[in-house]
Amino acid sequence: MIRMLSAACVAAGFAATLAACSTVPAHLAAPADVRSPHRALAPATVLAGAGREEVAEAGEWQDLNRRVAPTGGAHAR
């Protein structure tokens, strides 16, 4: 009974998903048509959000790990 109910729920969800996808946007239906409405594209920079990295000085690896480890949580001292 549970398997049949589960299968019915999956089938209903799949049918609802297909029904929601029944209309295709114009810019996807005819991508080569220049008259179809489209969203303006904004250029994105490749380096957006990149930061400058500094070379760490040589030292004990345990000290370096403590310096870069996240603070708080279950393993905090």
C-alpha atoms as a PDB file:
ATOM      1  CA  MET A   1       0.000   0.000   0.000  1.00  0.00           C
ATOM      2  CA  ILE A   2       2.823   2.408   0.918  1.00  0.00           C
ATOM      3  CA  ARG A   3       4.711   1.635  -2.303  1.00  0.00           C
ATOM      4  CA  MET A   4       1.611   2.258  -4.382  1.00  0.00           C
ATOM      5  CA  LEU A   5       1.005   5.570  -2.598  1.00  0.00           C
ATOM      6  CA  SER A   6       4.651   6.560  -3.067  1.00  0.00           C
ATOM      7  CA  ALA A   7       4.500   5.717  -6.762  1.00  0.00           C
ATOM      8  CA  ALA A   8       1.315   7.759  -7.132  1.00  0.00           C
ATOM      9  CA  CYS A   9       2.939  10.752  -5.426  1.00  0.00           C
ATOM     10  CA  VAL A  10       5.991  10.519  -7.673  1.00  0.00           C
ATOM     11  CA  ALA A  11       3.784  10.289 -10.760  1.00  0.00           C
ATOM     12  CA  ALA A  12       1.721  13.284  -9.642  1.00  0.00           C
ATOM     13  CA  GLY A  13       4.858  15.320  -8.996  1.00  0.00           C
ATOM     14  CA  PHE A  14       6.283  14.386 -12.387  1.00  0.00           C
ATOM     15  CA  ALA A  15       3.017  15.347 -14.112  1.00  0.00           C
ATOM     16  CA  ALA A  16       2.953  18.692 -12.298  1.00  0.00           C
ATOM     17  CA  THR A  17       6.535  19.377 -13.349  1.00  0.00           C
ATOM     18  CA  LEU A  18       5.743  18.629 -16.983  1.00  0.00           C
ATOM     19  CA  ALA A  19       2.657  20.825 -16.862  1.00  0.00           C
ATOM     20  CA  ALA A  20       4.681  23.729 -15.494  1.00  0.00           C
ATOM     21  CA  CYS A  21       7.235  23.335 -18.296  1.00  0.00           C
ATOM     22  CA  SER A  22       4.693  23.211 -21.107  1.00  0.00           C
ATOM     23  CA  THR A  23       5.337  26.790 -22.263  1.00  0.00           C
ATOM     24  CA  VAL A  24       8.753  27.564 -23.705  1.00  0.00           C
ATOM     25  CA  PRO A  25      10.028  31.153 -23.536  1.00  0.00           C
ATOM     26  CA  ALA A  26      10.337  32.857 -26.923  1.00  0.00           C
ATOM     27  CA  HIS A  27      14.076  33.423 -26.653  1.00  0.00           C
ATOM     28  CA  LEU A  28      14.577  29.668 -26.126  1.00  0.00           C
ATOM     29  CA  ALA A  29      12.108  28.547 -28.786  1.00  0.00           C
ATOM     30  CA  ALA A  30      13.743  30.626 -31.528  1.00  0.00           C
ATOM     31  CA  PRO A  31      17.214  31.710 -30.370  1.00  0.00           C
ATOM     32  CA  ALA A  32      18.232  32.985 -33.844  1.00  0.00           C
ATOM     33  CA  ASP A  33      15.204  35.282 -34.151  1.00  0.00           C
ATOM     34  CA  VAL A  34      16.442  38.834 -33.492  1.00  0.00           C
ATOM     35  CA  ARG A  35      12.878  40.072 -32.920  1.00  0.00           C
ATOM     36  CA  SER A  36      12.248  37.766 -29.986  1.00  0.00           C
ATOM     37  CA  PRO A  37      12.340  39.508 -26.604  1.00  0.00           C
ATOM     38  CA  HIS A  38      15.418  38.871 -24.526  1.00  0.00           C
ATOM     39  CA  ARG A  39      17.053  40.030 -21.364  1.00  0.00           C
ATOM     40  CA  ALA A  40      19.975  42.395 -21.615  1.00  0.00           C
ATOM     41  CA  LEU A  41      23.259  40.738 -20.777  1.00  0.00           C
ATOM     42  CA  ALA A  42      25.622  42.421 -18.379  1.00  0.00           C
ATOM     43  CA  PRO A  43      29.343  41.761 -18.727  1.00  0.00           C
ATOM     44  CA  ALA A  44      30.923  39.940 -15.813  1.00  0.00           C
ATOM     45  CA  THR A  45      34.556  40.326 -14.892  1.00  0.00           C
ATOM     46  CA  VAL A  46      36.607  37.201 -14.452  1.00  0.00           C
ATOM     47  CA  LEU A  47      38.434  38.528 -11.410  1.00  0.00           C
ATOM     48  CA  ALA A  48      35.357  39.755  -9.508  1.00  0.00           C
ATOM     49  CA  GLY A  49      35.751  38.858  -5.848  1.00  0.00           C
ATOM     50  CA  ALA A  50      39.335  37.702  -6.180  1.00  0.00           C
ATOM     51  CA  GLY A  51      41.723  38.883  -3.523  1.00  0.00           C
ATOM     52  CA  ARG A  52      45.463  39.193  -3.296  1.00  0.00           C
ATOM     53  CA  GLU A  53      47.208  36.265  -1.636  1.00  0.00           C
ATOM     54  CA  GLU A  54      50.338  36.723   0.427  1.00  0.00           C
ATOM     55  CA  VAL A  55      53.035  34.113   0.855  1.00  0.00           C
ATOM     56  CA  ALA A  56      53.129  32.752   4.397  1.00  0.00           C
ATOM     57  CA  GLU A  57      56.440  32.814   6.199  1.00  0.00           C
ATOM     58  CA  ALA A  58      58.087  29.532   7.036  1.00  0.00           C
ATOM     59  CA  GLY A  59      57.205  28.149  10.440  1.00  0.00           C
ATOM     60  CA  GLU A  60      55.825  25.191  12.274  1.00  0.00           C
ATOM     61  CA  TRP A  61      52.889  23.701  10.414  1.00  0.00           C
ATOM     62  CA  GLN A  62      50.793  23.544  13.611  1.00  0.00           C
ATOM     63  CA  ASP A  63      51.123  27.314  14.092  1.00  0.00           C
ATOM     64  CA  LEU A  64      50.158  27.954  10.480  1.00  0.00           C
ATOM     65  CA  ASN A  65      47.116  25.695  10.838  1.00  0.00           C
ATOM     66  CA  ARG A  66      45.976  27.507  13.994  1.00  0.00           C
ATOM     67  CA  ARG A  67      46.285  30.865  12.236  1.00  0.00           C
ATOM     68  CA  VAL A  68      44.100  29.906   9.272  1.00  0.00           C
ATOM     69  CA  ALA A  69      41.623  27.620  11.064  1.00  0.00           C
ATOM     70  CA  PRO A  70      38.050  28.849  11.476  1.00  0.00           C
ATOM     71  CA  THR A  71      37.193  30.197  14.924  1.00  0.00           C
ATOM     72  CA  GLY A  72      34.405  28.808  17.061  1.00  0.00           C
ATOM     73  CA  GLY A  73      32.654  25.494  16.672  1.00  0.00           C
ATOM     74  CA  ALA A  74      33.140  22.201  18.465  1.00  0.00           C
ATOM     75  CA  HIS A  75      36.912  22.071  18.025  1.00  0.00           C
ATOM     76  CA  ALA A  76      37.682  25.613  19.263  1.00  0.00           C
ATOM     77  CA  ARG A  77      40.037  26.001  22.200  1.00  0.00           C
END
